[in-house]
Amino acid sequence: MELPSGTATNRALTDNIFVLIACIINRIPVILCGKPGCSKTSSVQIVITNLKGKKSKNVYFQTLPELVPVSYQGSQNCTSDSIVKVFERADKYLKAKNETELLPVIVFNEIGLAELSAHNPLKVLHSELEVETCRHGFVGLSNWRLDASKMNRALYLACPDPDVNDLQLTAKTILKSMASTHDQVARIDNKIIDSLAAAYFDLYKHIRVQTQYNNYFGLRDFYSLIKGVVRELMQCKENDNMYEKTRRQITVNFDGSFDGSHYMWEHFC
C-alpha cells in the first residue's frame, strides 16, 4: 500500500486502514470516532487513493472495485434533504458504465455535528445503513460517539489515544520527511525527539484529570511542535543553543490560558 510522504504507520493508522478496507468492500457501514489528529481523515484518503480497481498498483487491489468518494460535510445546519441527495449522487455511480466495477463510498465528515442539528437530519440514515440493503460504502467520521440508533446500524471503531511509542514513531517520521538529506537527520539528536514525545504524553495524562482543561491541547499541537523544532534545529549553527530553540517552540505551541509549556519543559529536561 502506498502512503503519502511523511506518513507514520502508527497503531491508529494501521487499525483504521484495516477496518476501512474490510467494511467498505463488504458494504458494511463504519463510523470512526476519535480526537482530532488520530488519522481518521488521512486513513480514508489513503484507502480511496490505493483502491483504484484495475488501475491499482497493488496486484490484490486490482481484483477489488474502484472506490469513488462521495463526500459530505456535516454541520449543525444540515438537513435531511441534503443527506438524501448525497445517496442519490452515489447511486448514479452504480449505474455508470466503466472498465472496472465502481463502488461509491459516502464519506460523512463531522457526522457528530449533524446530530446536533435542529432538523434531525440523521433520521434518513436508518433505512440507508441497513447492512442487508446497503448499496455503497459508508464512512462516518466523528470526534464523539453518536446515539445508539445510529451506532447500532454501523460498525463502530474507536480510534485509540497514542502511547509514547506511537508519538515517538510519528515524530521521527515527521523529522525524516522534513529533512532533505541524511546529514540533516543525523544533526538532530533522537533523544530530543523522544523526550518531547514523553513530555507531551505526561502533559496529556496531567490535563486529563482536570475537567476544565481536558482536551485543551491535542495531537495537532504536538505535530506542530515537532515540525517547529525540526525546522529550528536544521537551521542551527554550531554555536547556537538548540535547547533554547526547543524551549521557544514549546512555548509557541503549548502556551495559553492554561500554560502547558512550563510543565512540558520540566518533564522534557
C-alpha atoms as a PDB file:
ATOM      1  CA  MET A   1       0.000   0.000   0.000  1.00  0.00           C
ATOM      2  CA  GLU A   2       1.345   3.408  -0.969  1.00  0.00           C
ATOM      3  CA  LEU A   3       1.407   6.062   1.736  1.00  0.00           C
ATOM      4  CA  PRO A   4       1.938   9.814   1.330  1.00  0.00           C
ATOM      5  CA  SER A   5       5.408  11.076   2.183  1.00  0.00           C
ATOM      6  CA  GLY A   6       5.827  11.689   5.897  1.00  0.00           C
ATOM      7  CA  THR A   7       3.070   9.295   6.979  1.00  0.00           C
ATOM      8  CA  ALA A   8       3.830   7.356  10.161  1.00  0.00           C
ATOM      9  CA  THR A   9       2.409   3.828  10.248  1.00  0.00           C
ATOM     10  CA  ASN A  10       1.376   4.060  13.878  1.00  0.00           C
ATOM     11  CA  ARG A  11      -1.221   1.915  15.606  1.00  0.00           C
ATOM     12  CA  ALA A  12      -4.194   4.208  14.923  1.00  0.00           C
ATOM     13  CA  LEU A  13      -3.482   4.473  11.191  1.00  0.00           C
ATOM     14  CA  THR A  14      -2.973   0.748  10.624  1.00  0.00           C
ATOM     15  CA  ASP A  15      -6.109  -0.144  12.610  1.00  0.00           C
ATOM     16  CA  ASN A  16      -8.170   2.399  10.680  1.00  0.00           C
ATOM     17  CA  ILE A  17      -6.952   1.223   7.267  1.00  0.00           C
ATOM     18  CA  PHE A  18      -7.539  -2.463   8.058  1.00  0.00           C
ATOM     19  CA  VAL A  19     -11.102  -1.876   9.248  1.00  0.00           C
ATOM     20  CA  LEU A  20     -11.944   0.554   6.432  1.00  0.00           C
ATOM     21  CA  ILE A  21     -10.922  -1.823   3.646  1.00  0.00           C
ATOM     22  CA  ALA A  22     -12.868  -4.732   5.145  1.00  0.00           C
ATOM     23  CA  CYS A  23     -16.005  -2.660   5.755  1.00  0.00           C
ATOM     24  CA  ILE A  24     -16.054  -0.680   2.508  1.00  0.00           C
ATOM     25  CA  ILE A  25     -15.529  -3.693   0.241  1.00  0.00           C
ATOM     26  CA  ASN A  26     -18.261  -5.626   2.056  1.00  0.00           C
ATOM     27  CA  ARG A  27     -20.555  -2.575   2.150  1.00  0.00           C
ATOM     28  CA  ILE A  28     -20.687  -2.537   5.929  1.00  0.00           C
ATOM     29  CA  PRO A  29     -21.265   0.998   7.275  1.00  0.00           C
ATOM     30  CA  VAL A  30     -18.472   2.079   9.614  1.00  0.00           C
ATOM     31  CA  ILE A  31     -18.121   5.040  11.963  1.00  0.00           C
ATOM     32  CA  LEU A  32     -14.665   6.169  13.117  1.00  0.00           C
ATOM     33  CA  CYS A  33     -14.673   8.092  16.375  1.00  0.00           C
ATOM     34  CA  GLY A  34     -11.630   9.763  17.841  1.00  0.00           C
ATOM     35  CA  LYS A  35      -9.986  13.016  18.778  1.00  0.00           C
ATOM     36  CA  PRO A  36      -8.607  15.379  16.111  1.00  0.00           C
ATOM     37  CA  GLY A  37      -5.248  14.193  14.794  1.00  0.00           C
ATOM     38  CA  CYS A  38      -5.834  10.451  15.209  1.00  0.00           C
ATOM     39  CA  SER A  39      -5.638   9.680  11.461  1.00  0.00           C
ATOM     40  CA  LYS A  40      -9.376   9.389  10.727  1.00  0.00           C
ATOM     41  CA  THR A  41      -9.393  11.516   7.582  1.00  0.00           C
ATOM     42  CA  SER A  42      -5.920  10.507   6.385  1.00  0.00           C
ATOM     43  CA  SER A  43      -6.743   6.786   6.624  1.00  0.00           C
ATOM     44  CA  VAL A  44      -9.855   7.270   4.460  1.00  0.00           C
ATOM     45  CA  GLN A  45      -7.830   9.211   1.878  1.00  0.00           C
ATOM     46  CA  ILE A  46      -5.135   6.515   1.800  1.00  0.00           C
ATOM     47  CA  VAL A  47      -7.663   3.713   1.236  1.00  0.00           C
ATOM     48  CA  ILE A  48      -9.504   5.583  -1.536  1.00  0.00           C
ATOM     49  CA  THR A  49      -6.226   6.560  -3.231  1.00  0.00           C
ATOM     50  CA  ASN A  50      -4.944   2.967  -3.288  1.00  0.00           C
ATOM     51  CA  LEU A  51      -8.110   1.126  -4.311  1.00  0.00           C
ATOM     52  CA  LYS A  52      -8.409   2.096  -7.988  1.00  0.00           C
ATOM     53  CA  GLY A  53      -9.683  -1.194  -9.408  1.00  0.00           C
ATOM     54  CA  LYS A  54      -7.635  -2.465 -12.348  1.00  0.00           C
ATOM     55  CA  LYS A  55      -5.582   0.744 -12.244  1.00  0.00           C
ATOM     56  CA  SER A  56      -4.294  -0.092  -8.747  1.00  0.00           C
ATOM     57  CA  LYS A  57      -0.558  -0.698  -8.393  1.00  0.00           C
ATOM     58  CA  ASN A  58      -1.106  -3.493  -5.879  1.00  0.00           C
ATOM     59  CA  VAL A  59      -1.989  -6.822  -7.524  1.00  0.00           C
ATOM     60  CA  TYR A  60      -4.585  -7.731  -4.904  1.00  0.00           C
ATOM     61  CA  PHE A  61      -6.251  -4.323  -5.076  1.00  0.00           C
ATOM     62  CA  GLN A  62      -6.681  -4.851  -8.840  1.00  0.00           C
ATOM     63  CA  THR A  63      -9.233  -7.562  -8.031  1.00  0.00           C
ATOM     64  CA  LEU A  64     -11.334  -5.148  -5.953  1.00  0.00           C
ATOM     65  CA  PRO A  65     -13.763  -2.443  -7.117  1.00  0.00           C
ATOM     66  CA  GLU A  66     -12.580   1.083  -7.810  1.00  0.00           C
ATOM     67  CA  LEU A  67     -13.617   3.368  -4.955  1.00  0.00           C
ATOM     68  CA  VAL A  68     -15.293   6.656  -5.822  1.00  0.00           C
ATOM     69  CA  PRO A  69     -15.571   9.119  -2.909  1.00  0.00           C
ATOM     70  CA  VAL A  70     -18.845  10.968  -2.396  1.00  0.00           C
ATOM     71  CA  SER A  71     -18.059  13.479   0.339  1.00  0.00           C
ATOM     72  CA  TYR A  72     -20.430  15.330   2.626  1.00  0.00           C
ATOM     73  CA  GLN A  73     -19.524  17.865   5.317  1.00  0.00           C
ATOM     74  CA  GLY A  74     -21.741  17.608   8.369  1.00  0.00           C
ATOM     75  CA  SER A  75     -22.770  20.710  10.285  1.00  0.00           C
ATOM     76  CA  GLN A  76     -25.385  21.901  12.743  1.00  0.00           C
ATOM     77  CA  ASN A  77     -27.340  23.370   9.807  1.00  0.00           C
ATOM     78  CA  CYS A  78     -27.580  20.331   7.534  1.00  0.00           C
ATOM     79  CA  THR A  79     -30.982  18.879   6.616  1.00  0.00           C
ATOM     80  CA  SER A  80     -32.428  15.502   5.693  1.00  0.00           C
ATOM     81  CA  ASP A  81     -32.849  16.564   2.057  1.00  0.00           C
ATOM     82  CA  SER A  82     -29.155  17.367   1.669  1.00  0.00           C
ATOM     83  CA  ILE A  83     -28.193  13.929   3.012  1.00  0.00           C
ATOM     84  CA  VAL A  84     -30.700  12.180   0.725  1.00  0.00           C
ATOM     85  CA  LYS A  85     -29.095  13.950  -2.259  1.00  0.00           C
ATOM     86  CA  VAL A  86     -25.703  12.512  -1.265  1.00  0.00           C
ATOM     87  CA  PHE A  87     -27.088   8.980  -1.504  1.00  0.00           C
ATOM     88  CA  GLU A  88     -28.700   9.847  -4.847  1.00  0.00           C
ATOM     89  CA  ARG A  89     -25.304  11.020  -6.141  1.00  0.00           C
ATOM     90  CA  ALA A  90     -23.777   7.744  -5.004  1.00  0.00           C
ATOM     91  CA  ASP A  91     -26.499   5.773  -6.825  1.00  0.00           C
ATOM     92  CA  LYS A  92     -25.562   7.465 -10.110  1.00  0.00           C
ATOM     93  CA  TYR A  93     -22.068   5.958  -9.925  1.00  0.00           C
ATOM     94  CA  LEU A  94     -23.574   2.485  -9.573  1.00  0.00           C
ATOM     95  CA  LYS A  95     -25.389   2.966 -12.891  1.00  0.00           C
ATOM     96  CA  ALA A  96     -22.343   4.333 -14.717  1.00  0.00           C
ATOM     97  CA  LYS A  97     -20.558   2.054 -17.185  1.00  0.00           C
ATOM     98  CA  ASN A  98     -16.830   1.735 -16.646  1.00  0.00           C
ATOM     99  CA  GLU A  99     -13.933  -0.627 -17.345  1.00  0.00           C
ATOM    100  CA  THR A 100     -13.873  -1.681 -13.719  1.00  0.00           C
ATOM    101  CA  GLU A 101     -16.610  -2.070 -11.150  1.00  0.00           C
ATOM    102  CA  LEU A 102     -17.237   1.200  -9.324  1.00  0.00           C
ATOM    103  CA  LEU A 103     -18.040   1.291  -5.634  1.00  0.00           C
ATOM    104  CA  PRO A 104     -19.156   4.719  -4.390  1.00  0.00           C
ATOM    105  CA  VAL A 105     -18.050   5.486  -0.841  1.00  0.00           C
ATOM    106  CA  ILE A 106     -20.009   8.093   1.090  1.00  0.00           C
ATOM    107  CA  VAL A 107     -17.601   9.902   3.416  1.00  0.00           C
ATOM    108  CA  PHE A 108     -19.664  11.766   6.014  1.00  0.00           C
ATOM    109  CA  ASN A 109     -17.233  14.127   7.726  1.00  0.00           C
ATOM    110  CA  GLU A 110     -18.164  15.519  11.168  1.00  0.00           C
ATOM    111  CA  ILE A 111     -21.259  13.347  11.370  1.00  0.00           C
ATOM    112  CA  GLY A 112     -21.365  14.188  15.080  1.00  0.00           C
ATOM    113  CA  LEU A 113     -22.092  17.844  14.278  1.00  0.00           C
ATOM    114  CA  ALA A 114     -25.019  16.827  12.063  1.00  0.00           C
ATOM    115  CA  GLU A 115     -26.512  15.004  15.037  1.00  0.00           C
ATOM    116  CA  LEU A 116     -26.760  18.365  16.831  1.00  0.00           C
ATOM    117  CA  SER A 117     -28.842  19.896  14.030  1.00  0.00           C
ATOM    118  CA  ALA A 118     -32.350  21.028  14.981  1.00  0.00           C
ATOM    119  CA  HIS A 119     -33.611  19.418  11.753  1.00  0.00           C
ATOM    120  CA  ASN A 120     -32.707  15.907  12.990  1.00  0.00           C
ATOM    121  CA  PRO A 121     -31.228  15.049   9.561  1.00  0.00           C
ATOM    122  CA  LEU A 122     -29.642  11.730  10.515  1.00  0.00           C
ATOM    123  CA  LYS A 123     -33.028  10.005  10.726  1.00  0.00           C
ATOM    124  CA  VAL A 124     -32.774   9.312   6.982  1.00  0.00           C
ATOM    125  CA  LEU A 125     -29.730   7.105   7.656  1.00  0.00           C
ATOM    126  CA  HIS A 126     -31.835   4.494   9.448  1.00  0.00           C
ATOM    127  CA  SER A 127     -33.031   2.867   6.228  1.00  0.00           C
ATOM    128  CA  GLU A 128     -29.902   3.581   4.169  1.00  0.00           C
ATOM    129  CA  LEU A 129     -27.498   1.930   6.613  1.00  0.00           C
ATOM    130  CA  GLU A 130     -29.254  -1.407   6.961  1.00  0.00           C
ATOM    131  CA  VAL A 131     -26.494  -3.928   6.191  1.00  0.00           C
ATOM    132  CA  GLU A 132     -28.823  -6.160   4.164  1.00  0.00           C
ATOM    133  CA  THR A 133     -29.719  -3.367   1.723  1.00  0.00           C
ATOM    134  CA  CYS A 134     -26.631  -1.106   1.832  1.00  0.00           C
ATOM    135  CA  ARG A 135     -25.524  -0.457  -1.777  1.00  0.00           C
ATOM    136  CA  HIS A 136     -22.440   1.682  -1.142  1.00  0.00           C
ATOM    137  CA  GLY A 137     -19.544   2.057   1.219  1.00  0.00           C
ATOM    138  CA  PHE A 138     -20.302   4.411   4.092  1.00  0.00           C
ATOM    139  CA  VAL A 139     -17.751   6.013   6.411  1.00  0.00           C
ATOM    140  CA  GLY A 140     -18.785   8.403   9.166  1.00  0.00           C
ATOM    141  CA  LEU A 141     -16.104  10.487  10.891  1.00  0.00           C
ATOM    142  CA  SER A 142     -16.784  11.993  14.287  1.00  0.00           C
ATOM    143  CA  ASN A 143     -14.964  13.342  17.323  1.00  0.00           C
ATOM    144  CA  TRP A 144     -17.504  11.680  19.623  1.00  0.00           C
ATOM    145  CA  ARG A 145     -19.982   8.785  19.749  1.00  0.00           C
ATOM    146  CA  LEU A 146     -23.411   9.150  18.182  1.00  0.00           C
ATOM    147  CA  ASP A 147     -26.664   7.997  19.740  1.00  0.00           C
ATOM    148  CA  ALA A 148     -27.454   4.285  19.848  1.00  0.00           C
ATOM    149  CA  SER A 149     -29.941   4.351  16.944  1.00  0.00           C
ATOM    150  CA  LYS A 150     -27.098   5.279  14.547  1.00  0.00           C
ATOM    151  CA  MET A 151     -24.270   3.362  16.182  1.00  0.00           C
ATOM    152  CA  ASN A 152     -26.259   0.111  16.118  1.00  0.00           C
ATOM    153  CA  ARG A 153     -26.515   0.340  12.323  1.00  0.00           C
ATOM    154  CA  ALA A 154     -22.773   0.540  11.733  1.00  0.00           C
ATOM    155  CA  LEU A 155     -19.508  -0.937  12.866  1.00  0.00           C
ATOM    156  CA  TYR A 156     -18.039   1.400  15.466  1.00  0.00           C
ATOM    157  CA  LEU A 157     -14.274   1.873  15.642  1.00  0.00           C
ATOM    158  CA  ALA A 158     -12.881   3.935  18.493  1.00  0.00           C
ATOM    159  CA  CYS A 159      -9.512   5.388  17.491  1.00  0.00           C
ATOM    160  CA  PRO A 160      -7.172   4.846  20.459  1.00  0.00           C
ATOM    161  CA  ASP A 161      -5.112   7.575  22.052  1.00  0.00           C
ATOM    162  CA  PRO A 162      -1.447   7.143  21.098  1.00  0.00           C
ATOM    163  CA  ASP A 163       1.054   5.823  23.605  1.00  0.00           C
ATOM    164  CA  VAL A 164       4.637   7.082  23.941  1.00  0.00           C
ATOM    165  CA  ASN A 165       5.928   4.677  21.285  1.00  0.00           C
ATOM    166  CA  ASP A 166       3.327   5.883  18.773  1.00  0.00           C
ATOM    167  CA  LEU A 167       4.224   9.512  19.484  1.00  0.00           C
ATOM    168  CA  GLN A 168       7.938   8.836  19.072  1.00  0.00           C
ATOM    169  CA  LEU A 169       7.380   6.940  15.814  1.00  0.00           C
ATOM    170  CA  THR A 170       5.232   9.743  14.404  1.00  0.00           C
ATOM    171  CA  ALA A 171       7.715  12.425  15.479  1.00  0.00           C
ATOM    172  CA  LYS A 172      10.664  10.612  13.864  1.00  0.00           C
ATOM    173  CA  THR A 173       8.668  10.149  10.667  1.00  0.00           C
ATOM    174  CA  ILE A 174       7.966  13.897  10.579  1.00  0.00           C
ATOM    175  CA  LEU A 175      11.695  14.505  11.080  1.00  0.00           C
ATOM    176  CA  LYS A 176      12.673  12.241   8.171  1.00  0.00           C
ATOM    177  CA  SER A 177      10.052  13.756   5.873  1.00  0.00           C
ATOM    178  CA  MET A 178      11.260  17.314   6.573  1.00  0.00           C
ATOM    179  CA  ALA A 179      14.993  16.609   6.341  1.00  0.00           C
ATOM    180  CA  SER A 180      16.130  16.512   2.708  1.00  0.00           C
ATOM    181  CA  THR A 181      19.424  14.715   3.401  1.00  0.00           C
ATOM    182  CA  HIS A 182      20.721  12.054   5.762  1.00  0.00           C
ATOM    183  CA  ASP A 183      23.145  14.613   7.230  1.00  0.00           C
ATOM    184  CA  GLN A 184      20.255  16.827   8.326  1.00  0.00           C
ATOM    185  CA  VAL A 185      18.605  13.881  10.099  1.00  0.00           C
ATOM    186  CA  ALA A 186      21.885  12.985  11.806  1.00  0.00           C
ATOM    187  CA  ARG A 187      22.282  16.563  13.100  1.00  0.00           C
ATOM    188  CA  ILE A 188      19.154  16.235  15.254  1.00  0.00           C
ATOM    189  CA  ASP A 189      19.577  14.150  18.384  1.00  0.00           C
ATOM    190  CA  ASN A 190      16.907  11.439  18.651  1.00  0.00           C
ATOM    191  CA  LYS A 191      16.915  11.997  22.420  1.00  0.00           C
ATOM    192  CA  ILE A 192      15.337  15.419  21.849  1.00  0.00           C
ATOM    193  CA  ILE A 193      12.528  13.917  19.756  1.00  0.00           C
ATOM    194  CA  ASP A 194      11.948  11.053  22.205  1.00  0.00           C
ATOM    195  CA  SER A 195      11.968  13.401  25.202  1.00  0.00           C
ATOM    196  CA  LEU A 196       9.464  15.759  23.558  1.00  0.00           C
ATOM    197  CA  ALA A 197       7.127  12.831  22.903  1.00  0.00           C
ATOM    198  CA  ALA A 198       7.444  11.654  26.511  1.00  0.00           C
ATOM    199  CA  ALA A 199       6.880  15.196  27.830  1.00  0.00           C
ATOM    200  CA  TYR A 200       3.732  15.622  25.719  1.00  0.00           C
ATOM    201  CA  PHE A 201       2.424  12.253  26.913  1.00  0.00           C
ATOM    202  CA  ASP A 202       2.977  13.316  30.539  1.00  0.00           C
ATOM    203  CA  LEU A 203       1.152  16.599  29.865  1.00  0.00           C
ATOM    204  CA  TYR A 204      -1.721  14.706  28.229  1.00  0.00           C
ATOM    205  CA  LYS A 205      -2.119  12.491  31.309  1.00  0.00           C
ATOM    206  CA  HIS A 206      -1.849  15.546  33.574  1.00  0.00           C
ATOM    207  CA  ILE A 207      -4.681  17.516  31.945  1.00  0.00           C
ATOM    208  CA  ARG A 208      -6.981  14.505  31.532  1.00  0.00           C
ATOM    209  CA  VAL A 209      -7.840  14.632  35.240  1.00  0.00           C
ATOM    210  CA  GLN A 210      -8.594  18.369  35.091  1.00  0.00           C
ATOM    211  CA  THR A 211     -12.115  18.704  33.711  1.00  0.00           C
ATOM    212  CA  GLN A 212     -11.829  22.377  32.762  1.00  0.00           C
ATOM    213  CA  TYR A 213      -8.698  21.756  30.680  1.00  0.00           C
ATOM    214  CA  ASN A 214      -9.422  18.285  29.322  1.00  0.00           C
ATOM    215  CA  ASN A 215      -8.515  18.238  25.601  1.00  0.00           C
ATOM    216  CA  TYR A 216      -7.112  21.782  25.855  1.00  0.00           C
ATOM    217  CA  PHE A 217      -4.040  20.536  23.987  1.00  0.00           C
ATOM    218  CA  GLY A 218      -4.157  17.835  21.332  1.00  0.00           C
ATOM    219  CA  LEU A 219      -2.160  15.818  18.842  1.00  0.00           C
ATOM    220  CA  ARG A 220      -2.069  18.600  16.287  1.00  0.00           C
ATOM    221  CA  ASP A 221      -0.303  20.818  18.823  1.00  0.00           C
ATOM    222  CA  PHE A 222       2.268  18.059  19.258  1.00  0.00           C
ATOM    223  CA  TYR A 223       2.738  17.654  15.500  1.00  0.00           C
ATOM    224  CA  SER A 224       3.165  21.421  15.142  1.00  0.00           C
ATOM    225  CA  LEU A 225       5.747  21.382  17.944  1.00  0.00           C
ATOM    226  CA  ILE A 226       7.803  18.661  16.260  1.00  0.00           C
ATOM    227  CA  LYS A 227       7.721  20.465  12.905  1.00  0.00           C
ATOM    228  CA  GLY A 228       8.776  23.716  14.550  1.00  0.00           C
ATOM    229  CA  VAL A 229      11.615  22.081  16.496  1.00  0.00           C
ATOM    230  CA  VAL A 230      12.903  20.200  13.444  1.00  0.00           C
ATOM    231  CA  ARG A 231      12.798  23.375  11.345  1.00  0.00           C
ATOM    232  CA  GLU A 232      14.695  25.338  14.021  1.00  0.00           C
ATOM    233  CA  LEU A 233      17.315  22.640  14.612  1.00  0.00           C
ATOM    234  CA  MET A 234      18.027  22.160  10.903  1.00  0.00           C
ATOM    235  CA  GLN A 235      18.852  25.880  10.706  1.00  0.00           C
ATOM    236  CA  CYS A 236      21.039  25.758  13.827  1.00  0.00           C
ATOM    237  CA  LYS A 237      24.639  26.914  13.584  1.00  0.00           C
ATOM    238  CA  GLU A 238      27.424  25.309  15.593  1.00  0.00           C
ATOM    239  CA  ASN A 239      27.382  27.868  18.405  1.00  0.00           C
ATOM    240  CA  ASP A 240      23.557  28.093  18.641  1.00  0.00           C
ATOM    241  CA  ASN A 241      21.801  26.781  21.733  1.00  0.00           C
ATOM    242  CA  MET A 242      19.435  24.114  20.402  1.00  0.00           C
ATOM    243  CA  TYR A 243      17.720  23.704  23.777  1.00  0.00           C
ATOM    244  CA  GLU A 244      16.864  27.383  23.800  1.00  0.00           C
ATOM    245  CA  LYS A 245      15.238  26.958  20.380  1.00  0.00           C
ATOM    246  CA  THR A 246      13.369  23.895  21.623  1.00  0.00           C
ATOM    247  CA  ARG A 247      12.087  25.838  24.626  1.00  0.00           C
ATOM    248  CA  ARG A 248      10.830  28.600  22.341  1.00  0.00           C
ATOM    249  CA  GLN A 249       8.856  26.119  20.221  1.00  0.00           C
ATOM    250  CA  ILE A 250       7.332  24.529  23.330  1.00  0.00           C
ATOM    251  CA  THR A 251       6.171  27.987  24.436  1.00  0.00           C
ATOM    252  CA  VAL A 252       4.754  28.805  20.992  1.00  0.00           C
ATOM    253  CA  ASN A 253       2.686  25.613  20.811  1.00  0.00           C
ATOM    254  CA  PHE A 254       1.708  24.997  24.438  1.00  0.00           C
ATOM    255  CA  ASP A 255       1.127  28.457  25.879  1.00  0.00           C
ATOM    256  CA  GLY A 256      -2.345  29.851  26.560  1.00  0.00           C
ATOM    257  CA  SER A 257      -4.854  30.485  29.342  1.00  0.00           C
ATOM    258  CA  PHE A 258      -3.611  27.144  30.633  1.00  0.00           C
ATOM    259  CA  ASP A 259       0.164  27.263  30.281  1.00  0.00           C
ATOM    260  CA  GLY A 260       1.332  23.753  29.454  1.00  0.00           C
ATOM    261  CA  SER A 261       4.743  24.925  28.289  1.00  0.00           C
ATOM    262  CA  HIS A 262       6.280  25.041  31.789  1.00  0.00           C
ATOM    263  CA  TYR A 263       5.015  21.549  32.596  1.00  0.00           C
ATOM    264  CA  MET A 264       6.354  20.184  29.306  1.00  0.00           C
ATOM    265  CA  TRP A 265       9.724  21.888  29.726  1.00  0.00           C
ATOM    266  CA  GLU A 266      10.188  20.454  33.221  1.00  0.00           C
ATOM    267  CA  HIS A 267       9.392  16.946  32.003  1.00  0.00           C
ATOM    268  CA  PHE A 268      11.471  17.403  28.862  1.00  0.00           C
ATOM    269  CA  CYS A 269      14.508  18.282  30.963  1.00  0.00           C
END
